[in-house]
């Protein structure tokens, strides 16, 4: 059984209908692998700021939420049109 890279797994969880396309893209593109790692880091930061009691936490959470949505849009746009 292969272990799925955490970033790819997170993206697959977000877009379950695109699992096969995402997996293929990951295996064939180093730049997509990098995007997956960045997506995972962003997701982790979002989770951190969601739990933080720091006074800046709401602002940081919002910044990472926007960034995550932008990354999701970029990911979808980078995929071959199969719809």
N, C-alpha and C. Protein backbone atom coordinates (compact mmCIF):
# COMPACT_ATOMS: atom_id res chain seq x y z
N UNK A 1 0.83 -1.18 0.00
CA UNK A 1 0.00 0.00 0.00
C UNK A 1 0.88 1.25 0.00
N UNK A 2 0.62 2.14 -0.92
CA UNK A 2 1.39 3.38 -0.99
C UNK A 2 0.85 4.40 -0.01
N UNK A 3 1.78 5.19 0.54
CA UNK A 3 1.39 6.29 1.42
C UNK A 3 1.26 7.54 0.56
N UNK A 4 0.15 8.24 0.71
CA UNK A 4 -0.08 9.46 -0.06
C UNK A 4 0.55 10.63 0.67
N UNK A 5 1.26 11.45 -0.06
CA UNK A 5 1.89 12.65 0.50
C UNK A 5 0.81 13.49 1.17
N UNK A 6 1.05 14.02 2.39
CA UNK A 6 0.02 14.73 3.15
C UNK A 6 -0.66 15.88 2.38
N UNK A 7 0.12 16.65 1.63
CA UNK A 7 -0.48 17.74 0.87
C UNK A 7 -1.44 17.25 -0.19
N UNK A 8 -1.06 16.21 -0.89
CA UNK A 8 -1.94 15.62 -1.90
C UNK A 8 -3.19 15.06 -1.23
N UNK A 9 -3.02 14.40 -0.11
CA UNK A 9 -4.15 13.84 0.62
C UNK A 9 -5.13 14.95 1.02
N UNK A 10 -4.62 16.07 1.49
CA UNK A 10 -5.48 17.19 1.88
C UNK A 10 -6.28 17.72 0.70
N UNK A 11 -5.62 17.83 -0.44
CA UNK A 11 -6.30 18.32 -1.63
C UNK A 11 -7.33 17.30 -2.11
N UNK A 12 -6.99 16.03 -2.04
CA UNK A 12 -7.95 14.98 -2.43
C UNK A 12 -9.17 14.98 -1.52
N UNK A 13 -8.94 15.24 -0.25
CA UNK A 13 -10.06 15.32 0.69
C UNK A 13 -10.97 16.50 0.35
N UNK A 14 -10.36 17.60 -0.09
CA UNK A 14 -11.12 18.80 -0.44
C UNK A 14 -11.89 18.60 -1.75
N UNK A 15 -11.28 17.87 -2.69
CA UNK A 15 -11.89 17.64 -4.01
C UNK A 15 -11.96 16.14 -4.30
N UNK A 16 -12.81 15.42 -3.58
CA UNK A 16 -12.83 13.95 -3.72
C UNK A 16 -13.20 13.46 -5.12
N UNK A 17 -13.96 14.22 -5.86
CA UNK A 17 -14.33 13.80 -7.22
C UNK A 17 -13.17 13.88 -8.20
N UNK A 18 -12.09 14.54 -7.79
CA UNK A 18 -10.93 14.73 -8.67
C UNK A 18 -9.73 13.89 -8.25
N UNK A 19 -9.94 12.91 -7.41
CA UNK A 19 -8.83 12.12 -6.86
C UNK A 19 -7.89 11.58 -7.94
N UNK A 20 -8.44 10.96 -8.96
CA UNK A 20 -7.61 10.34 -9.99
C UNK A 20 -6.81 11.39 -10.77
N UNK A 21 -7.46 12.49 -11.11
CA UNK A 21 -6.77 13.56 -11.84
C UNK A 21 -5.68 14.17 -10.97
N UNK A 22 -5.99 14.39 -9.70
CA UNK A 22 -5.00 14.97 -8.78
C UNK A 22 -3.81 14.03 -8.61
N UNK A 23 -4.07 12.74 -8.44
CA UNK A 23 -2.99 11.76 -8.27
C UNK A 23 -2.10 11.74 -9.51
N UNK A 24 -2.71 11.72 -10.69
CA UNK A 24 -1.93 11.71 -11.92
C UNK A 24 -1.09 12.98 -12.04
N UNK A 25 -1.70 14.11 -11.74
CA UNK A 25 -0.97 15.38 -11.83
C UNK A 25 0.21 15.39 -10.86
N UNK A 26 -0.01 14.87 -9.65
CA UNK A 26 1.05 14.81 -8.65
C UNK A 26 2.22 13.96 -9.14
N UNK A 27 1.92 12.82 -9.72
CA UNK A 27 2.96 11.90 -10.17
C UNK A 27 3.72 12.41 -11.39
N UNK A 28 3.10 13.31 -12.14
CA UNK A 28 3.72 13.77 -13.38
C UNK A 28 4.29 15.19 -13.33
N UNK A 29 4.14 15.88 -12.20
CA UNK A 29 4.54 17.28 -12.16
C UNK A 29 5.23 17.65 -10.85
N UNK A 30 6.49 18.00 -10.94
CA UNK A 30 7.21 18.45 -9.75
C UNK A 30 6.63 19.76 -9.22
N UNK A 31 6.20 20.63 -10.10
CA UNK A 31 5.62 21.90 -9.64
C UNK A 31 4.31 21.65 -8.89
N UNK A 32 3.53 20.66 -9.32
CA UNK A 32 2.30 20.34 -8.61
C UNK A 32 2.63 19.72 -7.25
N UNK A 33 3.69 18.95 -7.17
CA UNK A 33 4.12 18.39 -5.89
C UNK A 33 4.46 19.53 -4.92
N UNK A 34 5.10 20.55 -5.42
CA UNK A 34 5.43 21.72 -4.61
C UNK A 34 4.17 22.44 -4.15
N UNK A 35 3.21 22.58 -5.04
CA UNK A 35 1.94 23.21 -4.69
C UNK A 35 1.26 22.41 -3.57
N UNK A 36 1.31 21.10 -3.66
CA UNK A 36 0.71 20.25 -2.63
C UNK A 36 1.37 20.47 -1.27
N UNK A 37 2.67 20.59 -1.26
CA UNK A 37 3.39 20.85 0.00
C UNK A 37 3.00 22.22 0.56
N UNK A 38 2.90 23.21 -0.30
CA UNK A 38 2.50 24.55 0.13
C UNK A 38 1.07 24.54 0.66
N UNK A 39 0.20 23.80 0.01
CA UNK A 39 -1.18 23.68 0.44
C UNK A 39 -1.24 23.07 1.85
N UNK A 40 -0.45 22.06 2.07
CA UNK A 40 -0.42 21.42 3.39
C UNK A 40 0.08 22.40 4.45
N UNK A 41 1.13 23.13 4.16
CA UNK A 41 1.65 24.12 5.12
C UNK A 41 0.60 25.18 5.43
N UNK A 42 -0.08 25.64 4.40
CA UNK A 42 -1.12 26.64 4.58
C UNK A 42 -2.27 26.08 5.43
N UNK A 43 -2.65 24.86 5.18
CA UNK A 43 -3.71 24.22 5.97
C UNK A 43 -3.30 24.10 7.44
N UNK A 44 -2.05 23.75 7.67
CA UNK A 44 -1.56 23.64 9.04
C UNK A 44 -1.54 24.99 9.74
N UNK A 45 -1.12 26.02 9.02
CA UNK A 45 -1.11 27.37 9.60
C UNK A 45 -2.54 27.83 9.90
N UNK A 46 -3.45 27.54 9.02
CA UNK A 46 -4.86 27.90 9.23
C UNK A 46 -5.38 27.22 10.50
N UNK A 47 -5.09 25.95 10.67
CA UNK A 47 -5.52 25.22 11.87
C UNK A 47 -4.88 25.80 13.13
N UNK A 48 -3.61 26.17 13.03
CA UNK A 48 -2.92 26.77 14.18
C UNK A 48 -3.60 28.07 14.61
N UNK A 49 -3.84 28.95 13.64
CA UNK A 49 -4.43 30.26 13.97
C UNK A 49 -5.89 30.12 14.40
N UNK A 50 -6.57 29.09 13.95
CA UNK A 50 -7.95 28.86 14.37
C UNK A 50 -8.02 28.56 15.87
N UNK A 51 -6.97 27.95 16.41
CA UNK A 51 -6.94 27.57 17.83
C UNK A 51 -6.22 28.58 18.71
N UNK A 52 -5.46 29.47 18.10
CA UNK A 52 -4.64 30.41 18.85
C UNK A 52 -5.48 31.44 19.59
N UNK A 53 -4.99 31.83 20.76
CA UNK A 53 -5.64 32.89 21.52
C UNK A 53 -4.87 34.21 21.39
N UNK A 54 -3.89 34.23 20.53
CA UNK A 54 -3.11 35.44 20.30
C UNK A 54 -4.03 36.53 19.77
N UNK A 55 -3.76 37.76 20.13
CA UNK A 55 -4.62 38.87 19.71
C UNK A 55 -4.69 39.04 18.19
N UNK A 56 -3.65 38.61 17.51
CA UNK A 56 -3.62 38.71 16.05
C UNK A 56 -4.21 37.48 15.35
N UNK A 57 -4.63 36.51 16.13
CA UNK A 57 -5.12 35.25 15.56
C UNK A 57 -6.26 35.43 14.56
N UNK A 58 -7.26 36.23 14.85
CA UNK A 58 -8.34 36.37 13.85
C UNK A 58 -7.85 36.92 12.51
N UNK A 59 -6.93 37.88 12.56
CA UNK A 59 -6.39 38.44 11.33
C UNK A 59 -5.56 37.40 10.57
N UNK A 60 -4.72 36.68 11.28
CA UNK A 60 -3.88 35.67 10.64
C UNK A 60 -4.74 34.54 10.07
N UNK A 61 -5.75 34.15 10.83
CA UNK A 61 -6.65 33.11 10.35
C UNK A 61 -7.29 33.54 9.03
N UNK A 62 -7.78 34.75 8.99
CA UNK A 62 -8.43 35.25 7.77
C UNK A 62 -7.45 35.30 6.60
N UNK A 63 -6.22 35.71 6.86
CA UNK A 63 -5.20 35.77 5.80
C UNK A 63 -4.93 34.38 5.23
N UNK A 64 -4.78 33.40 6.12
CA UNK A 64 -4.51 32.04 5.64
C UNK A 64 -5.73 31.42 4.97
N UNK A 65 -6.92 31.78 5.40
CA UNK A 65 -8.13 31.29 4.76
C UNK A 65 -8.22 31.80 3.32
N UNK A 66 -7.94 33.07 3.13
CA UNK A 66 -7.93 33.65 1.78
C UNK A 66 -6.87 32.97 0.93
N UNK A 67 -5.68 32.81 1.49
CA UNK A 67 -4.59 32.16 0.76
C UNK A 67 -4.96 30.73 0.37
N UNK A 68 -5.58 30.00 1.28
CA UNK A 68 -5.97 28.63 0.99
C UNK A 68 -6.99 28.59 -0.16
N UNK A 69 -7.94 29.48 -0.14
CA UNK A 69 -8.94 29.53 -1.23
C UNK A 69 -8.29 29.90 -2.56
N UNK A 70 -7.33 30.81 -2.53
CA UNK A 70 -6.61 31.16 -3.76
C UNK A 70 -5.83 29.97 -4.29
N UNK A 71 -5.21 29.22 -3.38
CA UNK A 71 -4.46 28.03 -3.79
C UNK A 71 -5.40 27.00 -4.40
N UNK A 72 -6.56 26.82 -3.80
CA UNK A 72 -7.53 25.86 -4.34
C UNK A 72 -7.95 26.26 -5.75
N UNK A 73 -8.16 27.53 -5.94
CA UNK A 73 -8.53 28.01 -7.28
C UNK A 73 -7.40 27.75 -8.27
N UNK A 74 -6.16 28.03 -7.87
CA UNK A 74 -5.00 27.78 -8.73
C UNK A 74 -4.87 26.29 -9.06
N UNK A 75 -5.11 25.45 -8.06
CA UNK A 75 -5.01 24.00 -8.27
C UNK A 75 -6.03 23.55 -9.31
N UNK A 76 -7.26 23.97 -9.16
CA UNK A 76 -8.31 23.59 -10.10
C UNK A 76 -7.99 24.09 -11.51
N UNK A 77 -7.51 25.31 -11.60
CA UNK A 77 -7.19 25.87 -12.92
C UNK A 77 -6.01 25.17 -13.57
N UNK A 78 -5.13 24.57 -12.77
CA UNK A 78 -3.95 23.91 -13.32
C UNK A 78 -4.25 22.51 -13.85
N UNK A 79 -5.41 21.98 -13.51
CA UNK A 79 -5.76 20.63 -13.93
C UNK A 79 -6.24 20.61 -15.38
N UNK A 80 -6.01 19.49 -16.04
CA UNK A 80 -6.56 19.36 -17.41
C UNK A 80 -8.08 19.43 -17.33
N UNK A 81 -8.67 20.00 -18.33
CA UNK A 81 -10.12 20.15 -18.37
C UNK A 81 -10.76 18.80 -18.69
N UNK A 82 -11.33 18.16 -17.69
CA UNK A 82 -11.94 16.85 -17.86
C UNK A 82 -13.43 16.89 -17.57
N UNK A 83 -13.94 18.07 -17.37
CA UNK A 83 -15.36 18.21 -16.97
C UNK A 83 -16.24 18.31 -18.18
